[in-house]
């Protein structure tokens, strides 16, 4: 698993309101597009610089494509990155703190020690 790549995806999507909406409406298509066009671009560098080897594993791709934040957490994705992105996508569908509570409930089965989130 490339925690770096999953976290990079979550970070870059969350920073662009148009990508947030695209990911909300077409998660699988957004993951495929991002992996094909953005995964190997270096963060904060000129566009001419890129790597060539980064790609999602099957479980990562599926968790991202299905908005499965418990699976992402189990894989080691940083919980703050998933929380902020998923709030941007789904908070509007719930009243008050409804989405945040649902998010926490879906992670309640995890016990210490939590999955390692170091990249």
PDB file of N, CA and C in Angstrom:
ATOM      1  N   UNK A   1       0.844  -1.182   0.000  1.00  0.00           N
ATOM      2  CA  UNK A   1       0.000   0.000   0.000  1.00  0.00           C
ATOM      3  C   UNK A   1       0.878   1.229   0.000  1.00  0.00           C
ATOM      4  N   UNK A   2       0.493   2.194  -0.768  1.00  0.00           N
ATOM      5  CA  UNK A   2       1.175   3.476  -0.770  1.00  0.00           C
ATOM      6  C   UNK A   2       0.334   4.481   0.006  1.00  0.00           C
ATOM      7  N   UNK A   3       0.615   4.581   1.302  1.00  0.00           N
ATOM      8  CA  UNK A   3      -0.100   5.571   2.109  1.00  0.00           C
ATOM      9  C   UNK A   3       0.147   6.964   1.556  1.00  0.00           C
ATOM     10  N   UNK A   4       1.347   7.191   1.054  1.00  0.00           N
ATOM     11  CA  UNK A   4       1.672   8.480   0.470  1.00  0.00           C
ATOM     12  C   UNK A   4       0.706   8.809  -0.662  1.00  0.00           C
ATOM     13  N   UNK A   5       0.491   7.872  -1.567  1.00  0.00           N
ATOM     14  CA  UNK A   5      -0.343   8.146  -2.729  1.00  0.00           C
ATOM     15  C   UNK A   5      -1.807   8.340  -2.336  1.00  0.00           C
ATOM     16  N   UNK A   6      -2.310   7.515  -1.429  1.00  0.00           N
ATOM     17  CA  UNK A   6      -3.695   7.688  -0.961  1.00  0.00           C
ATOM     18  C   UNK A   6      -3.846   9.046  -0.281  1.00  0.00           C
ATOM     19  N   UNK A   7      -2.915   9.397   0.583  1.00  0.00           N
ATOM     20  CA  UNK A   7      -2.989  10.693   1.266  1.00  0.00           C
ATOM     21  C   UNK A   7      -2.826  11.850   0.288  1.00  0.00           C
ATOM     22  N   UNK A   8      -1.992  11.682  -0.716  1.00  0.00           N
ATOM     23  CA  UNK A   8      -1.830  12.703  -1.747  1.00  0.00           C
ATOM     24  C   UNK A   8      -3.147  12.902  -2.497  1.00  0.00           C
ATOM     25  N   UNK A   9      -3.822  11.807  -2.831  1.00  0.00           N
ATOM     26  CA  UNK A   9      -5.125  11.897  -3.485  1.00  0.00           C
ATOM     27  C   UNK A   9      -6.108  12.685  -2.613  1.00  0.00           C
ATOM     28  N   UNK A  10      -6.238  12.271  -1.355  1.00  0.00           N
ATOM     29  CA  UNK A  10      -7.181  12.937  -0.447  1.00  0.00           C
ATOM     30  C   UNK A  10      -6.854  14.420  -0.302  1.00  0.00           C
ATOM     31  N   UNK A  11      -5.585  14.740  -0.154  1.00  0.00           N
ATOM     32  CA  UNK A  11      -5.138  16.118   0.016  1.00  0.00           C
ATOM     33  C   UNK A  11      -5.434  16.958  -1.219  1.00  0.00           C
ATOM     34  N   UNK A  12      -5.059  16.456  -2.392  1.00  0.00           N
ATOM     35  CA  UNK A  12      -5.228  17.274  -3.597  1.00  0.00           C
ATOM     36  C   UNK A  12      -6.692  17.423  -3.992  1.00  0.00           C
ATOM     37  N   UNK A  13      -7.491  16.399  -3.810  1.00  0.00           N
ATOM     38  CA  UNK A  13      -8.918  16.522  -4.124  1.00  0.00           C
ATOM     39  C   UNK A  13      -9.572  17.530  -3.183  1.00  0.00           C
ATOM     40  N   UNK A  14      -9.239  17.461  -1.908  1.00  0.00           N
ATOM     41  CA  UNK A  14      -9.852  18.348  -0.906  1.00  0.00           C
ATOM     42  C   UNK A  14      -9.507  19.814  -1.132  1.00  0.00           C
ATOM     43  N   UNK A  15      -8.425  20.105  -1.827  1.00  0.00           N
ATOM     44  CA  UNK A  15      -7.995  21.499  -2.013  1.00  0.00           C
ATOM     45  C   UNK A  15      -8.659  22.185  -3.200  1.00  0.00           C
ATOM     46  N   UNK A  16      -9.482  21.476  -3.966  1.00  0.00           N
ATOM     47  CA  UNK A  16     -10.101  22.036  -5.159  1.00  0.00           C
ATOM     48  C   UNK A  16     -11.611  21.769  -5.121  1.00  0.00           C
ATOM     49  N   UNK A  17     -12.435  22.800  -4.913  1.00  0.00           N
ATOM     50  CA  UNK A  17     -13.892  22.586  -4.821  1.00  0.00           C
ATOM     51  C   UNK A  17     -14.490  21.858  -6.024  1.00  0.00           C
ATOM     52  N   UNK A  18     -13.958  22.092  -7.216  1.00  0.00           N
ATOM     53  CA  UNK A  18     -14.473  21.389  -8.394  1.00  0.00           C
ATOM     54  C   UNK A  18     -14.154  19.898  -8.331  1.00  0.00           C
ATOM     55  N   UNK A  19     -12.958  19.562  -7.832  1.00  0.00           N
ATOM     56  CA  UNK A  19     -12.606  18.148  -7.690  1.00  0.00           C
ATOM     57  C   UNK A  19     -13.400  17.484  -6.574  1.00  0.00           C
ATOM     58  N   UNK A  20     -13.701  18.231  -5.516  1.00  0.00           N
ATOM     59  CA  UNK A  20     -14.544  17.686  -4.442  1.00  0.00           C
ATOM     60  C   UNK A  20     -15.891  17.263  -5.029  1.00  0.00           C
ATOM     61  N   UNK A  21     -16.494  18.142  -5.835  1.00  0.00           N
ATOM     62  CA  UNK A  21     -17.786  17.825  -6.440  1.00  0.00           C
ATOM     63  C   UNK A  21     -17.668  16.677  -7.438  1.00  0.00           C
ATOM     64  N   UNK A  22     -16.614  16.675  -8.194  1.00  0.00           N
ATOM     65  CA  UNK A  22     -16.398  15.587  -9.156  1.00  0.00           C
ATOM     66  C   UNK A  22     -16.275  14.254  -8.428  1.00  0.00           C
ATOM     67  N   UNK A  23     -15.511  14.238  -7.338  1.00  0.00           N
ATOM     68  CA  UNK A  23     -15.322  13.017  -6.563  1.00  0.00           C
ATOM     69  C   UNK A  23     -16.627  12.577  -5.898  1.00  0.00           C
ATOM     70  N   UNK A  24     -17.426  13.520  -5.453  1.00  0.00           N
ATOM     71  CA  UNK A  24     -18.727  13.200  -4.845  1.00  0.00           C
ATOM     72  C   UNK A  24     -19.643  12.535  -5.871  1.00  0.00           C
ATOM     73  N   UNK A  25     -19.699  13.097  -7.074  1.00  0.00           N
ATOM     74  CA  UNK A  25     -20.630  12.632  -8.098  1.00  0.00           C
ATOM     75  C   UNK A  25     -20.132  11.402  -8.867  1.00  0.00           C
ATOM     76  N   UNK A  26     -18.839  11.300  -9.080  1.00  0.00           N
ATOM     77  CA  UNK A  26     -18.277  10.208  -9.871  1.00  0.00           C
ATOM     78  C   UNK A  26     -16.989   9.716  -9.220  1.00  0.00           C
ATOM     79  N   UNK A  27     -17.105   9.029  -8.088  1.00  0.00           N
ATOM     80  CA  UNK A  27     -15.882   8.646  -7.366  1.00  0.00           C
ATOM     81  C   UNK A  27     -14.965   7.731  -8.170  1.00  0.00           C
ATOM     82  N   UNK A  28     -15.508   6.722  -8.801  1.00  0.00           N
ATOM     83  CA  UNK A  28     -14.655   5.783  -9.545  1.00  0.00           C
ATOM     84  C   UNK A  28     -13.976   6.483 -10.721  1.00  0.00           C
ATOM     85  N   UNK A  29     -14.730   7.280 -11.449  1.00  0.00           N
ATOM     86  CA  UNK A  29     -14.160   8.017 -12.572  1.00  0.00           C
ATOM     87  C   UNK A  29     -13.101   9.007 -12.131  1.00  0.00           C
ATOM     88  N   UNK A  30     -13.338   9.653 -10.987  1.00  0.00           N
ATOM     89  CA  UNK A  30     -12.367  10.621 -10.469  1.00  0.00           C
ATOM     90  C   UNK A  30     -11.090   9.922 -10.045  1.00  0.00           C
ATOM     91  N   UNK A  31     -11.209   8.781  -9.387  1.00  0.00           N
ATOM     92  CA  UNK A  31     -10.026   8.019  -8.976  1.00  0.00           C
ATOM     93  C   UNK A  31      -9.231   7.576 -10.206  1.00  0.00           C
ATOM     94  N   UNK A  32      -9.927   7.061 -11.213  1.00  0.00           N
ATOM     95  CA  UNK A  32      -9.235   6.617 -12.427  1.00  0.00           C
ATOM     96  C   UNK A  32      -8.545   7.789 -13.123  1.00  0.00           C
ATOM     97  N   UNK A  33      -9.253   8.922 -13.261  1.00  0.00           N
ATOM     98  CA  UNK A  33      -8.667  10.103 -13.897  1.00  0.00           C
ATOM     99  C   UNK A  33      -7.448  10.586 -13.113  1.00  0.00           C
ATOM    100  N   UNK A  34      -7.592  10.696 -11.779  1.00  0.00           N
ATOM    101  CA  UNK A  34      -6.515  11.217 -10.942  1.00  0.00           C
ATOM    102  C   UNK A  34      -5.292  10.317 -11.020  1.00  0.00           C
ATOM    103  N   UNK A  35      -5.516   9.005 -10.944  1.00  0.00           N
ATOM    104  CA  UNK A  35      -4.385   8.074 -11.003  1.00  0.00           C
ATOM    105  C   UNK A  35      -3.666   8.181 -12.343  1.00  0.00           C
ATOM    106  N   UNK A  36      -4.420   8.331 -13.423  1.00  0.00           N
ATOM    107  CA  UNK A  36      -3.816   8.396 -14.759  1.00  0.00           C
ATOM    108  C   UNK A  36      -3.106   9.722 -15.026  1.00  0.00           C
ATOM    109  N   UNK A  37      -3.594  10.815 -14.435  1.00  0.00           N
ATOM    110  CA  UNK A  37      -3.065  12.131 -14.804  1.00  0.00           C
ATOM    111  C   UNK A  37      -2.328  12.871 -13.695  1.00  0.00           C
ATOM    112  N   UNK A  38      -2.636  12.564 -12.439  1.00  0.00           N
ATOM    113  CA  UNK A  38      -2.093  13.350 -11.329  1.00  0.00           C
ATOM    114  C   UNK A  38      -1.197  12.575 -10.373  1.00  0.00           C
ATOM    115  N   UNK A  39      -1.336  11.277 -10.310  1.00  0.00           N
ATOM    116  CA  UNK A  39      -0.630  10.481  -9.300  1.00  0.00           C
ATOM    117  C   UNK A  39       0.881  10.643  -9.360  1.00  0.00           C
ATOM    118  N   UNK A  40       1.416  10.780 -10.551  1.00  0.00           N
ATOM    119  CA  UNK A  40       2.859  10.850 -10.689  1.00  0.00           C
ATOM    120  C   UNK A  40       3.415  12.258 -10.772  1.00  0.00           C
ATOM    121  N   UNK A  41       2.538  13.251 -10.682  1.00  0.00           N
ATOM    122  CA  UNK A  41       3.003  14.637 -10.617  1.00  0.00           C
ATOM    123  C   UNK A  41       3.551  14.887  -9.216  1.00  0.00           C
ATOM    124  N   UNK A  42       4.631  15.598  -9.136  1.00  0.00           N
ATOM    125  CA  UNK A  42       5.221  15.897  -7.832  1.00  0.00           C
ATOM    126  C   UNK A  42       4.497  17.074  -7.205  1.00  0.00           C
ATOM    127  N   UNK A  43       4.234  16.988  -5.912  1.00  0.00           N
ATOM    128  CA  UNK A  43       3.582  18.081  -5.204  1.00  0.00           C
ATOM    129  C   UNK A  43       4.465  19.316  -5.187  1.00  0.00           C
ATOM    130  N   UNK A  44       3.865  20.456  -5.426  1.00  0.00           N
ATOM    131  CA  UNK A  44       4.544  21.750  -5.333  1.00  0.00           C
ATOM    132  C   UNK A  44       5.751  21.881  -6.257  1.00  0.00           C
ATOM    133  N   UNK A  45       5.718  21.222  -7.405  1.00  0.00           N
ATOM    134  CA  UNK A  45       6.821  21.303  -8.357  1.00  0.00           C
ATOM    135  C   UNK A  45       6.285  21.735  -9.714  1.00  0.00           C
ATOM    136  N   UNK A  46       7.207  22.088 -10.576  1.00  0.00           N
ATOM    137  CA  UNK A  46       6.783  22.446 -11.927  1.00  0.00           C
ATOM    138  C   UNK A  46       6.206  21.212 -12.615  1.00  0.00           C
ATOM    139  N   UNK A  47       5.287  21.432 -13.530  1.00  0.00           N
ATOM    140  CA  UNK A  47       4.587  20.302 -14.143  1.00  0.00           C
ATOM    141  C   UNK A  47       5.495  19.402 -14.969  1.00  0.00           C
ATOM    142  N   UNK A  48       6.644  19.886 -15.382  1.00  0.00           N
ATOM    143  CA  UNK A  48       7.557  19.062 -16.177  1.00  0.00           C
ATOM    144  C   UNK A  48       8.199  17.952 -15.350  1.00  0.00           C
ATOM    145  N   UNK A  49       8.192  18.084 -14.029  1.00  0.00           N
ATOM    146  CA  UNK A  49       8.790  17.065 -13.176  1.00  0.00           C
ATOM    147  C   UNK A  49       7.722  16.080 -12.737  1.00  0.00           C
ATOM    148  N   UNK A  50       8.023  14.816 -12.845  1.00  0.00           N
ATOM    149  CA  UNK A  50       7.073  13.787 -12.455  1.00  0.00           C
ATOM    150  C   UNK A  50       7.806  12.479 -12.213  1.00  0.00           C
ATOM    151  N   UNK A  51       7.143  11.586 -11.513  1.00  0.00           N
ATOM    152  CA  UNK A  51       7.649  10.235 -11.356  1.00  0.00           C
ATOM    153  C   UNK A  51       6.904   9.365 -12.367  1.00  0.00           C
ATOM    154  N   UNK A  52       7.206   8.096 -12.394  1.00  0.00           N
ATOM    155  CA  UNK A  52       6.550   7.217 -13.365  1.00  0.00           C
ATOM    156  C   UNK A  52       6.019   5.934 -12.750  1.00  0.00           C
ATOM    157  N   UNK A  53       6.183   5.717 -11.475  1.00  0.00           N
ATOM    158  CA  UNK A  53       5.905   4.411 -10.909  1.00  0.00           C
ATOM    159  C   UNK A  53       4.745   4.350  -9.929  1.00  0.00           C
ATOM    160  N   UNK A  54       4.185   5.478  -9.518  1.00  0.00           N
ATOM    161  CA  UNK A  54       3.144   5.458  -8.498  1.00  0.00           C
ATOM    162  C   UNK A  54       1.797   5.026  -9.069  1.00  0.00           C
ATOM    163  N   UNK A  55       1.148   4.077  -8.389  1.00  0.00           N
ATOM    164  CA  UNK A  55      -0.202   3.666  -8.751  1.00  0.00           C
ATOM    165  C   UNK A  55      -0.855   3.060  -7.521  1.00  0.00           C
ATOM    166  N   UNK A  56      -2.181   3.071  -7.518  1.00  0.00           N
ATOM    167  CA  UNK A  56      -2.929   2.501  -6.406  1.00  0.00           C
ATOM    168  C   UNK A  56      -2.923   0.983  -6.470  1.00  0.00           C
ATOM    169  N   UNK A  57      -2.948   0.363  -5.305  1.00  0.00           N
ATOM    170  CA  UNK A  57      -3.199  -1.073  -5.206  1.00  0.00           C
ATOM    171  C   UNK A  57      -4.706  -1.273  -5.360  1.00  0.00           C
ATOM    172  N   UNK A  58      -5.137  -2.494  -5.586  1.00  0.00           N
ATOM    173  CA  UNK A  58      -6.556  -2.782  -5.768  1.00  0.00           C
ATOM    174  C   UNK A  58      -7.427  -2.343  -4.600  1.00  0.00           C
ATOM    175  N   UNK A  59      -7.000  -2.651  -3.361  1.00  0.00           N
ATOM    176  CA  UNK A  59      -7.799  -2.295  -2.184  1.00  0.00           C
ATOM    177  C   UNK A  59      -7.880  -0.788  -1.993  1.00  0.00           C
ATOM    178  N   UNK A  60      -6.803  -0.090  -2.287  1.00  0.00           N
ATOM    179  CA  UNK A  60      -6.800   1.378  -2.184  1.00  0.00           C
ATOM    180  C   UNK A  60      -7.764   1.976  -3.204  1.00  0.00           C
ATOM    181  N   UNK A  61      -7.636   1.514  -4.431  1.00  0.00           N
ATOM    182  CA  UNK A  61      -8.467   2.034  -5.518  1.00  0.00           C
ATOM    183  C   UNK A  61      -9.942   1.801  -5.206  1.00  0.00           C
ATOM    184  N   UNK A  62     -10.272   0.606  -4.725  1.00  0.00           N
ATOM    185  CA  UNK A  62     -11.669   0.277  -4.426  1.00  0.00           C
ATOM    186  C   UNK A  62     -12.204   1.104  -3.257  1.00  0.00           C
ATOM    187  N   UNK A  63     -11.406   1.268  -2.213  1.00  0.00           N
ATOM    188  CA  UNK A  63     -11.851   2.076  -1.062  1.00  0.00           C
ATOM    189  C   UNK A  63     -12.073   3.529  -1.472  1.00  0.00           C
ATOM    190  N   UNK A  64     -11.180   4.068  -2.285  1.00  0.00           N
ATOM    191  CA  UNK A  64     -11.358   5.438  -2.766  1.00  0.00           C
ATOM    192  C   UNK A  64     -12.573   5.540  -3.683  1.00  0.00           C
ATOM    193  N   UNK A  65     -12.755   4.552  -4.554  1.00  0.00           N
ATOM    194  CA  UNK A  65     -13.838   4.585  -5.540  1.00  0.00           C
ATOM    195  C   UNK A  65     -15.213   4.382  -4.914  1.00  0.00           C
ATOM    196  N   UNK A  66     -15.253   3.874  -3.681  1.00  0.00           N
ATOM    197  CA  UNK A  66     -16.534   3.643  -3.010  1.00  0.00           C
ATOM    198  C   UNK A  66     -16.733   4.536  -1.788  1.00  0.00           C
ATOM    199  N   UNK A  67     -15.854   5.519  -1.628  1.00  0.00           N
ATOM    200  CA  UNK A  67     -15.924   6.438  -0.475  1.00  0.00           C
ATOM    201  C   UNK A  67     -15.930   5.667   0.847  1.00  0.00           C
ATOM    202  N   UNK A  68     -15.162   4.616   0.943  1.00  0.00           N
ATOM    203  CA  UNK A  68     -15.150   3.743   2.119  1.00  0.00           C
ATOM    204  C   UNK A  68     -14.093   4.220   3.120  1.00  0.00           C
ATOM    205  N   UNK A  69     -14.475   5.202   3.953  1.00  0.00           N
ATOM    206  CA  UNK A  69     -13.472   5.753   4.867  1.00  0.00           C
ATOM    207  C   UNK A  69     -13.017   4.767   5.941  1.00  0.00           C
ATOM    208  N   UNK A  70     -13.828   3.819   6.431  1.00  0.00           N
ATOM    209  CA  UNK A  70     -13.270   2.831   7.355  1.00  0.00           C
ATOM    210  C   UNK A  70     -12.185   1.965   6.700  1.00  0.00           C
ATOM    211  N   UNK A  71     -12.394   1.585   5.437  1.00  0.00           N
ATOM    212  CA  UNK A  71     -11.369   0.801   4.743  1.00  0.00           C
ATOM    213  C   UNK A  71     -10.117   1.637   4.537  1.00  0.00           C
ATOM    214  N   UNK A  72     -10.275   2.910   4.189  1.00  0.00           N
ATOM    215  CA  UNK A  72      -9.117   3.790   4.031  1.00  0.00           C
ATOM    216  C   UNK A  72      -8.354   3.916   5.342  1.00  0.00           C
ATOM    217  N   UNK A  73      -9.082   4.071   6.454  1.00  0.00           N
ATOM    218  CA  UNK A  73      -8.446   4.157   7.771  1.00  0.00           C
ATOM    219  C   UNK A  73      -7.679   2.871   8.070  1.00  0.00           C
ATOM    220  N   UNK A  74      -8.298   1.720   7.784  1.00  0.00           N
ATOM    221  CA  UNK A  74      -7.637   0.434   8.030  1.00  0.00           C
ATOM    222  C   UNK A  74      -6.373   0.295   7.187  1.00  0.00           C
ATOM    223  N   UNK A  75      -6.378   0.896   6.008  1.00  0.00           N
ATOM    224  CA  UNK A  75      -5.210   0.840   5.125  1.00  0.00           C
ATOM    225  C   UNK A  75      -4.119   1.831   5.530  1.00  0.00           C
ATOM    226  N   UNK A  76      -4.430   2.735   6.457  1.00  0.00           N
ATOM    227  CA  UNK A  76      -3.430   3.682   6.932  1.00  0.00           C
ATOM    228  C   UNK A  76      -3.574   5.090   6.406  1.00  0.00           C
ATOM    229  N   UNK A  77      -4.685   5.400   5.717  1.00  0.00           N
ATOM    230  CA  UNK A  77      -4.912   6.780   5.273  1.00  0.00           C
ATOM    231  C   UNK A  77      -5.069   7.669   6.499  1.00  0.00           C
ATOM    232  N   UNK A  78      -4.587   8.882   6.404  1.00  0.00           N
ATOM    233  CA  UNK A  78      -4.657   9.780   7.552  1.00  0.00           C
ATOM    234  C   UNK A  78      -6.112  10.166   7.814  1.00  0.00           C
ATOM    235  N   UNK A  79      -6.607   9.959   9.045  1.00  0.00           N
ATOM    236  CA  UNK A  79      -8.025  10.223   9.330  1.00  0.00           C
ATOM    237  C   UNK A  79      -8.415  11.695   9.174  1.00  0.00           C
ATOM    238  N   UNK A  80      -7.518  12.621   9.387  1.00  0.00           N
ATOM    239  CA  UNK A  80      -7.871  14.034   9.209  1.00  0.00           C
ATOM    240  C   UNK A  80      -8.094  14.355   7.738  1.00  0.00           C
ATOM    241  N   UNK A  81      -7.328  13.716   6.861  1.00  0.00           N
ATOM    242  CA  UNK A  81      -7.522  13.945   5.430  1.00  0.00           C
ATOM    243  C   UNK A  81      -8.857  13.378   4.957  1.00  0.00           C
ATOM    244  N   UNK A  82      -9.196  12.176   5.408  1.00  0.00           N
ATOM    245  CA  UNK A  82     -10.496  11.625   5.008  1.00  0.00           C
ATOM    246  C   UNK A  82     -11.625  12.434   5.628  1.00  0.00           C
ATOM    247  N   UNK A  83     -11.495  12.809   6.879  1.00  0.00           N
ATOM    248  CA  UNK A  83     -12.572  13.553   7.543  1.00  0.00           C
ATOM    249  C   UNK A  83     -12.833  14.889   6.860  1.00  0.00           C
ATOM    250  N   UNK A  84     -11.798  15.664   6.593  1.00  0.00           N
ATOM    251  CA  UNK A  84     -12.043  16.982   5.997  1.00  0.00           C
ATOM    252  C   UNK A  84     -12.626  16.863   4.591  1.00  0.00           C
ATOM    253  N   UNK A  85     -12.135  15.921   3.805  1.00  0.00           N
ATOM    254  CA  UNK A  85     -12.680  15.746   2.459  1.00  0.00           C
ATOM    255  C   UNK A  85     -14.110  15.231   2.514  1.00  0.00           C
ATOM    256  N   UNK A  86     -14.370  14.254   3.339  1.00  0.00           N
ATOM    257  CA  UNK A  86     -15.697  13.669   3.379  1.00  0.00           C
ATOM    258  C   UNK A  86     -16.718  14.630   3.997  1.00  0.00           C
ATOM    259  N   UNK A  87     -16.300  15.491   4.910  1.00  0.00           N
ATOM    260  CA  UNK A  87     -17.191  16.547   5.398  1.00  0.00           C
ATOM    261  C   UNK A  87     -17.565  17.465   4.241  1.00  0.00           C
ATOM    262  N   UNK A  88     -16.576  17.844   3.436  1.00  0.00           N
ATOM    263  CA  UNK A  88     -16.855  18.720   2.288  1.00  0.00           C
ATOM    264  C   UNK A  88     -17.840  18.065   1.327  1.00  0.00           C
ATOM    265  N   UNK A  89     -17.799  16.759   1.200  1.00  0.00           N
ATOM    266  CA  UNK A  89     -18.669  16.073   0.259  1.00  0.00           C
ATOM    267  C   UNK A  89     -20.042  15.745   0.836  1.00  0.00           C
ATOM    268  N   UNK A  90     -20.115  15.371   2.120  1.00  0.00           N
ATOM    269  CA  UNK A  90     -21.345  14.776   2.635  1.00  0.00           C
ATOM    270  C   UNK A  90     -22.027  15.504   3.784  1.00  0.00           C
ATOM    271  N   UNK A  91     -21.381  16.512   4.364  1.00  0.00           N
ATOM    272  CA  UNK A  91     -22.004  17.210   5.491  1.00  0.00           C
ATOM    273  C   UNK A  91     -23.351  17.816   5.084  1.00  0.00           C
ATOM    274  N   UNK A  92     -23.457  18.293   3.851  1.00  0.00           N
ATOM    275  CA  UNK A  92     -24.690  18.939   3.370  1.00  0.00           C
ATOM    276  C   UNK A  92     -25.887  17.996   3.364  1.00  0.00           C
ATOM    277  N   UNK A  93     -25.630  16.690   3.411  1.00  0.00           N
ATOM    278  CA  UNK A  93     -26.702  15.706   3.396  1.00  0.00           C
ATOM    279  C   UNK A  93     -27.215  15.357   4.790  1.00  0.00           C
ATOM    280  N   UNK A  94     -26.663  15.974   5.815  1.00  0.00           N
ATOM    281  CA  UNK A  94     -27.012  15.664   7.216  1.00  0.00           C
ATOM    282  C   UNK A  94     -27.263  16.958   7.969  1.00  0.00           C
ATOM    283  N   UNK A  95     -28.050  16.856   9.024  1.00  0.00           N
ATOM    284  CA  UNK A  95     -28.296  18.027   9.871  1.00  0.00           C
ATOM    285  C   UNK A  95     -27.249  18.095  10.981  1.00  0.00           C
ATOM    286  N   UNK A  96     -26.919  19.326  11.364  1.00  0.00           N
ATOM    287  CA  UNK A  96     -25.984  19.542  12.473  1.00  0.00           C
ATOM    288  C   UNK A  96     -24.685  18.781  12.287  1.00  0.00           C
ATOM    289  N   UNK A  97     -24.326  18.038  13.307  1.00  0.00           N
ATOM    290  CA  UNK A  97     -23.099  17.236  13.279  1.00  0.00           C
ATOM    291  C   UNK A  97     -23.380  15.806  12.824  1.00  0.00           C
ATOM    292  N   UNK A  98     -24.463  15.608  12.103  1.00  0.00           N
ATOM    293  CA  UNK A  98     -24.882  14.265  11.703  1.00  0.00           C
ATOM    294  C   UNK A  98     -23.835  13.489  10.943  1.00  0.00           C
ATOM    295  N   UNK A  99     -23.172  14.149   9.995  1.00  0.00           N
ATOM    296  CA  UNK A  99     -22.177  13.409   9.232  1.00  0.00           C
ATOM    297  C   UNK A  99     -20.975  13.049  10.085  1.00  0.00           C
ATOM    298  N   UNK A 100     -20.505  13.980  10.890  1.00  0.00           N
ATOM    299  CA  UNK A 100     -19.340  13.699  11.735  1.00  0.00           C
ATOM    300  C   UNK A 100     -19.641  12.545  12.694  1.00  0.00           C
ATOM    301  N   UNK A 101     -20.866  12.498  13.214  1.00  0.00           N
ATOM    302  CA  UNK A 101     -21.244  11.401  14.111  1.00  0.00           C
ATOM    303  C   UNK A 101     -21.279  10.076  13.358  1.00  0.00           C
ATOM    304  N   UNK A 102     -21.823  10.086  12.157  1.00  0.00           N
ATOM    305  CA  UNK A 102     -21.857   8.874  11.343  1.00  0.00           C
ATOM    306  C   UNK A 102     -20.444   8.409  11.005  1.00  0.00           C
ATOM    307  N   UNK A 103     -19.584   9.351  10.674  1.00  0.00           N
ATOM    308  CA  UNK A 103     -18.184   9.042  10.372  1.00  0.00           C
ATOM    309  C   UNK A 103     -17.550   8.331  11.571  1.00  0.00           C
ATOM    310  N   UNK A 104     -17.733   8.896  12.759  1.00  0.00           N
ATOM    311  CA  UNK A 104     -17.150   8.315  13.972  1.00  0.00           C
ATOM    312  C   UNK A 104     -17.747   6.943  14.280  1.00  0.00           C
ATOM    313  N   UNK A 105     -19.045   6.797  14.102  1.00  0.00           N
ATOM    314  CA  UNK A 105     -19.694   5.508  14.369  1.00  0.00           C
ATOM    315  C   UNK A 105     -19.140   4.409  13.473  1.00  0.00           C
ATOM    316  N   UNK A 106     -18.854   4.751  12.225  1.00  0.00           N
ATOM    317  CA  UNK A 106     -18.334   3.754  11.288  1.00  0.00           C
ATOM    318  C   UNK A 106     -16.892   3.367  11.598  1.00  0.00           C
ATOM    319  N   UNK A 107     -16.211   4.168  12.425  1.00  0.00           N
ATOM    320  CA  UNK A 107     -14.842   3.841  12.843  1.00  0.00           C
ATOM    321  C   UNK A 107     -14.785   3.283  14.272  1.00  0.00           C
ATOM    322  N   UNK A 108     -15.932   3.199  14.937  1.00  0.00           N
ATOM    323  CA  UNK A 108     -15.973   2.830  16.356  1.00  0.00           C
ATOM    324  C   UNK A 108     -15.429   1.433  16.633  1.00  0.00           C
ATOM    325  N   UNK A 109     -15.453   0.546  15.667  1.00  0.00           N
ATOM    326  CA  UNK A 109     -14.980  -0.821  15.900  1.00  0.00           C
ATOM    327  C   UNK A 109     -13.452  -0.927  15.968  1.00  0.00           C
ATOM    328  N   UNK A 110     -12.750   0.135  15.607  1.00  0.00           N
ATOM    329  CA  UNK A 110     -11.295   0.120  15.707  1.00  0.00           C
ATOM    330  C   UNK A 110     -10.880   0.332  17.162  1.00  0.00           C
ATOM    331  N   UNK A 111      -9.891  -0.425  17.600  1.00  0.00           N
ATOM    332  CA  UNK A 111      -9.373  -0.295  18.948  1.00  0.00           C
ATOM    333  C   UNK A 111      -7.879   0.012  18.851  1.00  0.00           C
ATOM    334  N   UNK A 112      -7.332   0.530  19.926  1.00  0.00           N
ATOM    335  CA  UNK A 112      -5.896   0.786  19.962  1.00  0.00           C
ATOM    336  C   UNK A 112      -5.146  -0.527  19.877  1.00  0.00           C
ATOM    337  N   UNK A 113      -4.022  -0.606  19.266  1.00  0.00           N
ATOM    338  CA  UNK A 113      -3.393   0.484  18.522  1.00  0.00           C
ATOM    339  C   UNK A 113      -4.053   0.642  17.155  1.00  0.00           C
ATOM    340  N   UNK A 114      -4.270   1.873  16.782  1.00  0.00           N
ATOM    341  CA  UNK A 114      -4.853   2.178  15.473  1.00  0.00           C
ATOM    342  C   UNK A 114      -3.866   1.824  14.376  1.00  0.00           C
ATOM    343  N   UNK A 115      -4.368   1.691  13.142  1.00  0.00           N
ATOM    344  CA  UNK A 115      -3.432   1.474  12.033  1.00  0.00           C
ATOM    345  C   UNK A 115      -2.401   2.597  11.958  1.00  0.00           C
ATOM    346  N   UNK A 116      -1.219   2.259  11.540  1.00  0.00           N
ATOM    347  CA  UNK A 116      -0.131   3.223  11.420  1.00  0.00           C
ATOM    348  C   UNK A 116      -0.450   4.201  10.290  1.00  0.00           C
ATOM    349  N   UNK A 117      -0.441   5.514  10.592  1.00  0.00           N
ATOM    350  CA  UNK A 117      -0.740   6.505   9.571  1.00  0.00           C
ATOM    351  C   UNK A 117       0.521   7.236   9.103  1.00  0.00           C
ATOM    352  N   UNK A 118       1.690   6.772   9.539  1.00  0.00           N
ATOM    353  CA  UNK A 118       2.931   7.400   9.093  1.00  0.00           C
ATOM    354  C   UNK A 118       3.157   7.122   7.607  1.00  0.00           C
ATOM    355  N   UNK A 119       3.684   8.118   6.902  1.00  0.00           N
ATOM    356  CA  UNK A 119       3.962   7.899   5.481  1.00  0.00           C
ATOM    357  C   UNK A 119       5.459   7.844   5.245  1.00  0.00           C
TER     358      UNK A 119
END
